Amino acid sequence: MTTRVDLDGDTVGRDLAALVLTLVGLIRQLTERQALRRVDAGELTEDQVERVGTALMLLEERVAALRDHFGLRPEDLNLDLGPLGSLLPREP
């Protein structure tokens, strides 16, 4: 017996956007944590700190714009991993 999956083009695009933006969010959070560790260890110059901060802010703005474009809420950009909890920690 063959099982069919009905795919709606609008839903597939929105779901793909949510997945991609979730992964971008995960990478952004990991990058931010690594940058903070390097700042705390004194490994970055003031100019490098400024550039990383600016890049992370611009990335967050663009993710928010794409999220709005696809009609997604911030809580839509996370994966439920069942008993492990969610993929992304909740940001304050």
PDB file of N, CA and C in Angstrom:
ATOM      1  N   MET A   1       0.831  -1.172   0.000  1.00  0.00           N
ATOM      2  CA  MET A   1       0.000   0.000   0.000  1.00  0.00           C
ATOM      3  C   MET A   1       0.887   1.250   0.000  1.00  0.00           C
ATOM      4  N   THR A   2       0.586   2.179  -0.869  1.00  0.00           N
ATOM      5  CA  THR A   2       1.365   3.399  -0.988  1.00  0.00           C
ATOM      6  C   THR A   2       0.708   4.514  -0.191  1.00  0.00           C
ATOM      7  N   THR A   3       1.505   5.208   0.595  1.00  0.00           N
ATOM      8  CA  THR A   3       1.009   6.340   1.353  1.00  0.00           C
ATOM      9  C   THR A   3       1.369   7.603   0.599  1.00  0.00           C
ATOM     10  N   ARG A   4       0.392   8.474   0.441  1.00  0.00           N
ATOM     11  CA  ARG A   4       0.634   9.733  -0.258  1.00  0.00           C
ATOM     12  C   ARG A   4       0.712  10.874   0.742  1.00  0.00           C
ATOM     13  N   VAL A   5       1.587  11.764   0.460  1.00  0.00           N
ATOM     14  CA  VAL A   5       1.699  12.968   1.266  1.00  0.00           C
ATOM     15  C   VAL A   5       1.279  14.134   0.394  1.00  0.00           C
ATOM     16  N   ASP A   6       0.258  14.845   0.845  1.00  0.00           N
ATOM     17  CA  ASP A   6      -0.174  16.031   0.119  1.00  0.00           C
ATOM     18  C   ASP A   6       0.682  17.207   0.547  1.00  0.00           C
ATOM     19  N   LEU A   7       1.354  17.785  -0.422  1.00  0.00           N
ATOM     20  CA  LEU A   7       2.221  18.914  -0.125  1.00  0.00           C
ATOM     21  C   LEU A   7       1.629  20.175  -0.721  1.00  0.00           C
ATOM     22  N   ASP A   8       1.534  21.171   0.090  1.00  0.00           N
ATOM     23  CA  ASP A   8       1.072  22.476  -0.347  1.00  0.00           C
ATOM     24  C   ASP A   8       2.309  23.340  -0.557  1.00  0.00           C
ATOM     25  N   GLY A   9       2.435  23.920  -1.735  1.00  0.00           N
ATOM     26  CA  GLY A   9       3.619  24.717  -2.049  1.00  0.00           C
ATOM     27  C   GLY A   9       3.881  25.820  -1.048  1.00  0.00           C
ATOM     28  N   ASP A  10       2.839  26.487  -0.569  1.00  0.00           N
ATOM     29  CA  ASP A  10       3.017  27.560   0.407  1.00  0.00           C
ATOM     30  C   ASP A  10       3.525  27.012   1.738  1.00  0.00           C
ATOM     31  N   THR A  11       2.982  25.894   2.158  1.00  0.00           N
ATOM     32  CA  THR A  11       3.388  25.302   3.431  1.00  0.00           C
ATOM     33  C   THR A  11       4.812  24.780   3.366  1.00  0.00           C
ATOM     34  N   VAL A  12       5.168  24.156   2.250  1.00  0.00           N
ATOM     35  CA  VAL A  12       6.521  23.623   2.105  1.00  0.00           C
ATOM     36  C   VAL A  12       7.538  24.758   2.167  1.00  0.00           C
ATOM     37  N   GLY A  13       7.273  25.852   1.497  1.00  0.00           N
ATOM     38  CA  GLY A  13       8.194  26.995   1.526  1.00  0.00           C
ATOM     39  C   GLY A  13       8.324  27.576   2.914  1.00  0.00           C
ATOM     40  N   ARG A  14       7.208  27.703   3.615  1.00  0.00           N
ATOM     41  CA  ARG A  14       7.219  28.254   4.976  1.00  0.00           C
ATOM     42  C   ARG A  14       7.955  27.304   5.914  1.00  0.00           C
ATOM     43  N   ASP A  15       7.691  26.010   5.791  1.00  0.00           N
ATOM     44  CA  ASP A  15       8.354  25.027   6.655  1.00  0.00           C
ATOM     45  C   ASP A  15       9.851  24.972   6.389  1.00  0.00           C
ATOM     46  N   LEU A  16      10.229  25.049   5.113  1.00  0.00           N
ATOM     47  CA  LEU A  16      11.658  25.065   4.777  1.00  0.00           C
ATOM     48  C   LEU A  16      12.322  26.323   5.328  1.00  0.00           C
ATOM     49  N   ALA A  17      11.638  27.455   5.200  1.00  0.00           N
ATOM     50  CA  ALA A  17      12.175  28.702   5.741  1.00  0.00           C
ATOM     51  C   ALA A  17      12.344  28.585   7.253  1.00  0.00           C
ATOM     52  N   ALA A  18      11.368  27.996   7.931  1.00  0.00           N
ATOM     53  CA  ALA A  18      11.468  27.831   9.383  1.00  0.00           C
ATOM     54  C   ALA A  18      12.660  26.958   9.753  1.00  0.00           C
ATOM     55  N   LEU A  19      12.877  25.866   9.014  1.00  0.00           N
ATOM     56  CA  LEU A  19      14.006  24.983   9.296  1.00  0.00           C
ATOM     57  C   LEU A  19      15.332  25.710   9.077  1.00  0.00           C
ATOM     58  N   VAL A  20      15.454  26.395   7.956  1.00  0.00           N
ATOM     59  CA  VAL A  20      16.700  27.104   7.645  1.00  0.00           C
ATOM     60  C   VAL A  20      16.957  28.202   8.680  1.00  0.00           C
ATOM     61  N   LEU A  21      15.927  28.960   9.026  1.00  0.00           N
ATOM     62  CA  LEU A  21      16.103  30.030  10.001  1.00  0.00           C
ATOM     63  C   LEU A  21      16.399  29.479  11.389  1.00  0.00           C
ATOM     64  N   THR A  22      15.871  28.305  11.711  1.00  0.00           N
ATOM     65  CA  THR A  22      16.204  27.657  12.977  1.00  0.00           C
ATOM     66  C   THR A  22      17.685  27.299  13.018  1.00  0.00           C
ATOM     67  N   LEU A  23      18.182  26.745  11.924  1.00  0.00           N
ATOM     68  CA  LEU A  23      19.602  26.384  11.867  1.00  0.00           C
ATOM     69  C   LEU A  23      20.490  27.624  11.905  1.00  0.00           C
ATOM     70  N   VAL A  24      20.085  28.672  11.219  1.00  0.00           N
ATOM     71  CA  VAL A  24      20.839  29.931  11.272  1.00  0.00           C
ATOM     72  C   VAL A  24      20.847  30.466  12.701  1.00  0.00           C
ATOM     73  N   GLY A  25      19.713  30.380  13.387  1.00  0.00           N
ATOM     74  CA  GLY A  25      19.636  30.820  14.781  1.00  0.00           C
ATOM     75  C   GLY A  25      20.566  30.023  15.680  1.00  0.00           C
ATOM     76  N   LEU A  26      20.624  28.722  15.459  1.00  0.00           N
ATOM     77  CA  LEU A  26      21.527  27.868  16.245  1.00  0.00           C
ATOM     78  C   LEU A  26      22.979  28.268  16.001  1.00  0.00           C
ATOM     79  N   ILE A  27      23.348  28.448  14.761  1.00  0.00           N
ATOM     80  CA  ILE A  27      24.715  28.845  14.424  1.00  0.00           C
ATOM     81  C   ILE A  27      25.034  30.223  15.001  1.00  0.00           C
ATOM     82  N   ARG A  28      24.064  31.146  14.956  1.00  0.00           N
ATOM     83  CA  ARG A  28      24.278  32.481  15.526  1.00  0.00           C
ATOM     84  C   ARG A  28      24.534  32.392  17.030  1.00  0.00           C
ATOM     85  N   GLN A  29      23.739  31.585  17.729  1.00  0.00           N
ATOM     86  CA  GLN A  29      23.928  31.455  19.175  1.00  0.00           C
ATOM     87  C   GLN A  29      25.277  30.820  19.506  1.00  0.00           C
ATOM     88  N   LEU A  30      25.670  29.816  18.752  1.00  0.00           N
ATOM     89  CA  LEU A  30      26.972  29.182  18.985  1.00  0.00           C
ATOM     90  C   LEU A  30      28.115  30.161  18.715  1.00  0.00           C
ATOM     91  N   THR A  31      27.981  30.933  17.646  1.00  0.00           N
ATOM     92  CA  THR A  31      28.993  31.922  17.298  1.00  0.00           C
ATOM     93  C   THR A  31      29.083  32.999  18.378  1.00  0.00           C
ATOM     94  N   GLU A  32      27.930  33.430  18.870  1.00  0.00           N
ATOM     95  CA  GLU A  32      27.906  34.448  19.924  1.00  0.00           C
ATOM     96  C   GLU A  32      28.581  33.932  21.192  1.00  0.00           C
ATOM     97  N   ARG A  33      28.298  32.704  21.562  1.00  0.00           N
ATOM     98  CA  ARG A  33      28.927  32.136  22.766  1.00  0.00           C
ATOM     99  C   ARG A  33      30.437  32.022  22.601  1.00  0.00           C
ATOM    100  N   GLN A  34      30.866  31.590  21.420  1.00  0.00           N
ATOM    101  CA  GLN A  34      32.297  31.473  21.167  1.00  0.00           C
ATOM    102  C   GLN A  34      32.959  32.847  21.218  1.00  0.00           C
ATOM    103  N   ALA A  35      32.306  33.846  20.646  1.00  0.00           N
ATOM    104  CA  ALA A  35      32.854  35.201  20.675  1.00  0.00           C
ATOM    105  C   ALA A  35      32.963  35.706  22.113  1.00  0.00           C
ATOM    106  N   LEU A  36      31.941  35.443  22.923  1.00  0.00           N
ATOM    107  CA  LEU A  36      31.997  35.871  24.329  1.00  0.00           C
ATOM    108  C   LEU A  36      33.127  35.180  25.076  1.00  0.00           C
ATOM    109  N   ARG A  37      33.342  33.909  24.803  1.00  0.00           N
ATOM    110  CA  ARG A  37      34.465  33.197  25.443  1.00  0.00           C
ATOM    111  C   ARG A  37      35.802  33.823  25.032  1.00  0.00           C
ATOM    112  N   ARG A  38      35.907  34.166  23.750  1.00  0.00           N
ATOM    113  CA  ARG A  38      37.152  34.770  23.272  1.00  0.00           C
ATOM    114  C   ARG A  38      37.356  36.166  23.845  1.00  0.00           C
ATOM    115  N   VAL A  39      36.273  36.921  24.004  1.00  0.00           N
ATOM    116  CA  VAL A  39      36.369  38.244  24.622  1.00  0.00           C
ATOM    117  C   VAL A  39      36.829  38.094  26.071  1.00  0.00           C
ATOM    118  N   ASP A  40      36.187  37.188  26.800  1.00  0.00           N
ATOM    119  CA  ASP A  40      36.553  36.963  28.207  1.00  0.00           C
ATOM    120  C   ASP A  40      38.010  36.520  28.352  1.00  0.00           C
ATOM    121  N   ALA A  41      38.514  35.776  27.354  1.00  0.00           N
ATOM    122  CA  ALA A  41      39.897  35.306  27.403  1.00  0.00           C
ATOM    123  C   ALA A  41      40.879  36.356  26.874  1.00  0.00           C
ATOM    124  N   GLY A  42      40.352  37.495  26.404  1.00  0.00           N
ATOM    125  CA  GLY A  42      41.217  38.556  25.895  1.00  0.00           C
ATOM    126  C   GLY A  42      41.832  38.245  24.549  1.00  0.00           C
ATOM    127  N   GLU A  43      41.190  37.380  23.768  1.00  0.00           N
ATOM    128  CA  GLU A  43      41.740  36.963  22.479  1.00  0.00           C
ATOM    129  C   GLU A  43      41.345  37.865  21.312  1.00  0.00           C
ATOM    130  N   LEU A  44      40.416  38.800  21.533  1.00  0.00           N
ATOM    131  CA  LEU A  44      39.944  39.656  20.451  1.00  0.00           C
ATOM    132  C   LEU A  44      40.305  41.106  20.720  1.00  0.00           C
ATOM    133  N   THR A  45      40.656  41.809  19.657  1.00  0.00           N
ATOM    134  CA  THR A  45      40.901  43.238  19.778  1.00  0.00           C
ATOM    135  C   THR A  45      39.558  43.958  19.877  1.00  0.00           C
ATOM    136  N   GLU A  46      39.602  45.222  20.258  1.00  0.00           N
ATOM    137  CA  GLU A  46      38.367  46.007  20.324  1.00  0.00           C
ATOM    138  C   GLU A  46      37.694  46.078  18.959  1.00  0.00           C
ATOM    139  N   ASP A  47      38.495  46.214  17.906  1.00  0.00           N
ATOM    140  CA  ASP A  47      37.953  46.271  16.546  1.00  0.00           C
ATOM    141  C   ASP A  47      37.259  44.948  16.188  1.00  0.00           C
ATOM    142  N   GLN A  48      37.856  43.829  16.542  1.00  0.00           N
ATOM    143  CA  GLN A  48      37.257  42.524  16.267  1.00  0.00           C
ATOM    144  C   GLN A  48      35.955  42.340  17.044  1.00  0.00           C
ATOM    145  N   VAL A  49      35.944  42.780  18.280  1.00  0.00           N
ATOM    146  CA  VAL A  49      34.729  42.690  19.097  1.00  0.00           C
ATOM    147  C   VAL A  49      33.614  43.502  18.446  1.00  0.00           C
ATOM    148  N   GLU A  50      33.963  44.702  17.998  1.00  0.00           N
ATOM    149  CA  GLU A  50      32.985  45.576  17.344  1.00  0.00           C
ATOM    150  C   GLU A  50      32.445  44.938  16.065  1.00  0.00           C
ATOM    151  N   ARG A  51      33.321  44.367  15.253  1.00  0.00           N
ATOM    152  CA  ARG A  51      32.890  43.743  13.998  1.00  0.00           C
ATOM    153  C   ARG A  51      32.014  42.525  14.240  1.00  0.00           C
ATOM    154  N   VAL A  52      32.382  41.694  15.206  1.00  0.00           N
ATOM    155  CA  VAL A  52      31.571  40.511  15.519  1.00  0.00           C
ATOM    156  C   VAL A  52      30.204  40.951  16.036  1.00  0.00           C
ATOM    157  N   GLY A  53      30.177  41.927  16.917  1.00  0.00           N
ATOM    158  CA  GLY A  53      28.914  42.422  17.456  1.00  0.00           C
ATOM    159  C   GLY A  53      28.005  42.967  16.370  1.00  0.00           C
ATOM    160  N   THR A  54      28.583  43.755  15.478  1.00  0.00           N
ATOM    161  CA  THR A  54      27.815  44.321  14.369  1.00  0.00           C
ATOM    162  C   THR A  54      27.280  43.216  13.456  1.00  0.00           C
ATOM    163  N   ALA A  55      28.114  42.245  13.137  1.00  0.00           N
ATOM    164  CA  ALA A  55      27.693  41.148  12.270  1.00  0.00           C
ATOM    165  C   ALA A  55      26.553  40.350  12.899  1.00  0.00           C
ATOM    166  N   LEU A  56      26.649  40.089  14.197  1.00  0.00           N
ATOM    167  CA  LEU A  56      25.591  39.330  14.871  1.00  0.00           C
ATOM    168  C   LEU A  56      24.291  40.126  14.934  1.00  0.00           C
ATOM    169  N   MET A  57      24.380  41.426  15.132  1.00  0.00           N
ATOM    170  CA  MET A  57      23.171  42.257  15.148  1.00  0.00           C
ATOM    171  C   MET A  57      22.516  42.300  13.770  1.00  0.00           C
ATOM    172  N   LEU A  58      23.334  42.450  12.722  1.00  0.00           N
ATOM    173  CA  LEU A  58      22.786  42.466  11.364  1.00  0.00           C
ATOM    174  C   LEU A  58      22.145  41.125  11.010  1.00  0.00           C
ATOM    175  N   LEU A  59      22.785  40.051  11.422  1.00  0.00           N
ATOM    176  CA  LEU A  59      22.227  38.727  11.171  1.00  0.00           C
ATOM    177  C   LEU A  59      20.871  38.581  11.859  1.00  0.00           C
ATOM    178  N   GLU A  60      20.778  39.014  13.099  1.00  0.00           N
ATOM    179  CA  GLU A  60      19.511  38.929  13.834  1.00  0.00           C
ATOM    180  C   GLU A  60      18.434  39.757  13.149  1.00  0.00           C
ATOM    181  N   GLU A  61      18.789  40.946  12.661  1.00  0.00           N
ATOM    182  CA  GLU A  61      17.821  41.794  11.953  1.00  0.00           C
ATOM    183  C   GLU A  61      17.327  41.119  10.686  1.00  0.00           C
ATOM    184  N   ARG A  62      18.225  40.495   9.944  1.00  0.00           N
ATOM    185  CA  ARG A  62      17.827  39.846   8.692  1.00  0.00           C
ATOM    186  C   ARG A  62      16.982  38.606   8.946  1.00  0.00           C
ATOM    187  N   VAL A  63      17.308  37.867   9.995  1.00  0.00           N
ATOM    188  CA  VAL A  63      16.490  36.709  10.365  1.00  0.00           C
ATOM    189  C   VAL A  63      15.094  37.183  10.741  1.00  0.00           C
ATOM    190  N   ALA A  64      14.995  38.268  11.491  1.00  0.00           N
ATOM    191  CA  ALA A  64      13.685  38.807  11.883  1.00  0.00           C
ATOM    192  C   ALA A  64      12.893  39.242  10.650  1.00  0.00           C
ATOM    193  N   ALA A  65      13.565  39.859   9.686  1.00  0.00           N
ATOM    194  CA  ALA A  65      12.884  40.282   8.459  1.00  0.00           C
ATOM    195  C   ALA A  65      12.377  39.071   7.676  1.00  0.00           C
ATOM    196  N   LEU A  66      13.200  38.036   7.566  1.00  0.00           N
ATOM    197  CA  LEU A  66      12.773  36.824   6.861  1.00  0.00           C
ATOM    198  C   LEU A  66      11.653  36.114   7.617  1.00  0.00           C
ATOM    199  N   ARG A  67      11.763  36.107   8.931  1.00  0.00           N
ATOM    200  CA  ARG A  67      10.718  35.504   9.752  1.00  0.00           C
ATOM    201  C   ARG A  67       9.393  36.220   9.488  1.00  0.00           C
ATOM    202  N   ASP A  68       9.410  37.544   9.470  1.00  0.00           N
ATOM    203  CA  ASP A  68       8.203  38.316   9.192  1.00  0.00           C
ATOM    204  C   ASP A  68       7.679  38.043   7.789  1.00  0.00           C
ATOM    205  N   HIS A  69       8.586  37.961   6.822  1.00  0.00           N
ATOM    206  CA  HIS A  69       8.206  37.704   5.430  1.00  0.00           C
ATOM    207  C   HIS A  69       7.441  36.390   5.295  1.00  0.00           C
ATOM    208  N   PHE A  70       7.864  35.375   6.032  1.00  0.00           N
ATOM    209  CA  PHE A  70       7.223  34.065   5.941  1.00  0.00           C
ATOM    210  C   PHE A  70       6.114  33.879   6.984  1.00  0.00           C
ATOM    211  N   GLY A  71       5.816  34.914   7.745  1.00  0.00           N
ATOM    212  CA  GLY A  71       4.746  34.833   8.725  1.00  0.00           C
ATOM    213  C   GLY A  71       5.054  33.908   9.885  1.00  0.00           C
ATOM    214  N   LEU A  72       6.307  33.874  10.285  1.00  0.00           N
ATOM    215  CA  LEU A  72       6.740  32.998  11.380  1.00  0.00           C
ATOM    216  C   LEU A  72       6.913  33.806  12.659  1.00  0.00           C
ATOM    217  N   ARG A  73       6.662  33.162  13.778  1.00  0.00           N
ATOM    218  CA  ARG A  73       6.891  33.769  15.091  1.00  0.00           C
ATOM    219  C   ARG A  73       8.233  33.266  15.609  1.00  0.00           C
ATOM    220  N   PRO A  74       8.851  33.986  16.539  1.00  0.00           N
ATOM    221  CA  PRO A  74      10.133  33.506  17.078  1.00  0.00           C
ATOM    222  C   PRO A  74      10.041  32.075  17.613  1.00  0.00           C
ATOM    223  N   GLU A  75       8.925  31.739  18.256  1.00  0.00           N
ATOM    224  CA  GLU A  75       8.788  30.385  18.800  1.00  0.00           C
ATOM    225  C   GLU A  75       8.624  29.319  17.719  1.00  0.00           C
ATOM    226  N   ASP A  76       8.336  29.737  16.476  1.00  0.00           N
ATOM    227  CA  ASP A  76       8.266  28.780  15.363  1.00  0.00           C
ATOM    228  C   ASP A  76       9.661  28.324  14.940  1.00  0.00           C
ATOM    229  N   LEU A  77      10.682  29.065  15.344  1.00  0.00           N
ATOM    230  CA  LEU A  77      12.049  28.774  14.925  1.00  0.00           C
ATOM    231  C   LEU A  77      12.779  27.954  15.984  1.00  0.00           C
ATOM    232  N   ASN A  78      12.235  26.819  16.272  1.00  0.00           N
ATOM    233  CA  ASN A  78      12.846  25.910  17.224  1.00  0.00           C
ATOM    234  C   ASN A  78      12.344  24.509  16.910  1.00  0.00           C
ATOM    235  N   LEU A  79      13.097  23.528  17.265  1.00  0.00           N
ATOM    236  CA  LEU A  79      12.692  22.146  17.042  1.00  0.00           C
ATOM    237  C   LEU A  79      12.475  21.472  18.384  1.00  0.00           C
ATOM    238  N   ASP A  80      11.358  20.784  18.500  1.00  0.00           N
ATOM    239  CA  ASP A  80      11.072  20.024  19.716  1.00  0.00           C
ATOM    240  C   ASP A  80      11.766  18.682  19.591  1.00  0.00           C
ATOM    241  N   LEU A  81      12.702  18.419  20.487  1.00  0.00           N
ATOM    242  CA  LEU A  81      13.461  17.167  20.452  1.00  0.00           C
ATOM    243  C   LEU A  81      12.908  16.144  21.445  1.00  0.00           C
ATOM    244  N   GLY A  82      11.636  16.282  21.747  1.00  0.00           N
ATOM    245  CA  GLY A  82      10.991  15.333  22.654  1.00  0.00           C
ATOM    246  C   GLY A  82      11.557  15.425  24.049  1.00  0.00           C
ATOM    247  N   PRO A  83      11.969  14.278  24.609  1.00  0.00           N
ATOM    248  CA  PRO A  83      12.449  14.286  25.997  1.00  0.00           C
ATOM    249  C   PRO A  83      13.722  15.111  26.203  1.00  0.00           C
ATOM    250  N   LEU A  84      14.421  15.433  25.135  1.00  0.00           N
ATOM    251  CA  LEU A  84      15.631  16.242  25.260  1.00  0.00           C
ATOM    252  C   LEU A  84      15.324  17.725  25.383  1.00  0.00           C
ATOM    253  N   GLY A  85      14.095  18.095  25.092  1.00  0.00           N
ATOM    254  CA  GLY A  85      13.711  19.510  25.129  1.00  0.00           C
ATOM    255  C   GLY A  85      13.792  20.131  23.752  1.00  0.00           C
ATOM    256  N   SER A  86      13.955  21.422  23.710  1.00  0.00           N
ATOM    257  CA  SER A  86      14.019  22.110  22.431  1.00  0.00           C
ATOM    258  C   SER A  86      15.466  22.245  21.957  1.00  0.00           C
ATOM    259  N   LEU A  87      15.632  22.409  20.653  1.00  0.00           N
ATOM    260  CA  LEU A  87      16.971  22.538  20.072  1.00  0.00           C
ATOM    261  C   LEU A  87      17.664  23.799  20.568  1.00  0.00           C
ATOM    262  N   LEU A  88      16.950  24.923  20.526  1.00  0.00           N
ATOM    263  CA  LEU A  88      17.529  26.195  20.914  1.00  0.00           C
ATOM    264  C   LEU A  88      17.104  26.554  22.325  1.00  0.00           C
ATOM    265  N   PRO A  89      18.042  27.024  23.122  1.00  0.00           N
ATOM    266  CA  PRO A  89      17.638  27.495  24.456  1.00  0.00           C
ATOM    267  C   PRO A  89      16.754  28.722  24.300  1.00  0.00           C
ATOM    268  N   ARG A  90      15.879  28.926  25.233  1.00  0.00           N
ATOM    269  CA  ARG A  90      15.003  30.089  25.212  1.00  0.00           C
ATOM    270  C   ARG A  90      15.837  31.317  25.556  1.00  0.00           C
ATOM    271  N   GLU A  91      15.744  32.312  24.670  1.00  0.00           N
ATOM    272  CA  GLU A  91      16.474  33.566  24.924  1.00  0.00           C
ATOM    273  C   GLU A  91      15.575  34.500  25.710  1.00  0.00           C
ATOM    274  N   PRO A  92      16.148  35.244  26.649  1.00  0.00           N
ATOM    275  CA  PRO A  92      15.348  36.193  27.442  1.00  0.00           C
ATOM    276  C   PRO A  92      14.819  37.320  26.602  1.00  0.00           C
TER     277      PRO A  92
END
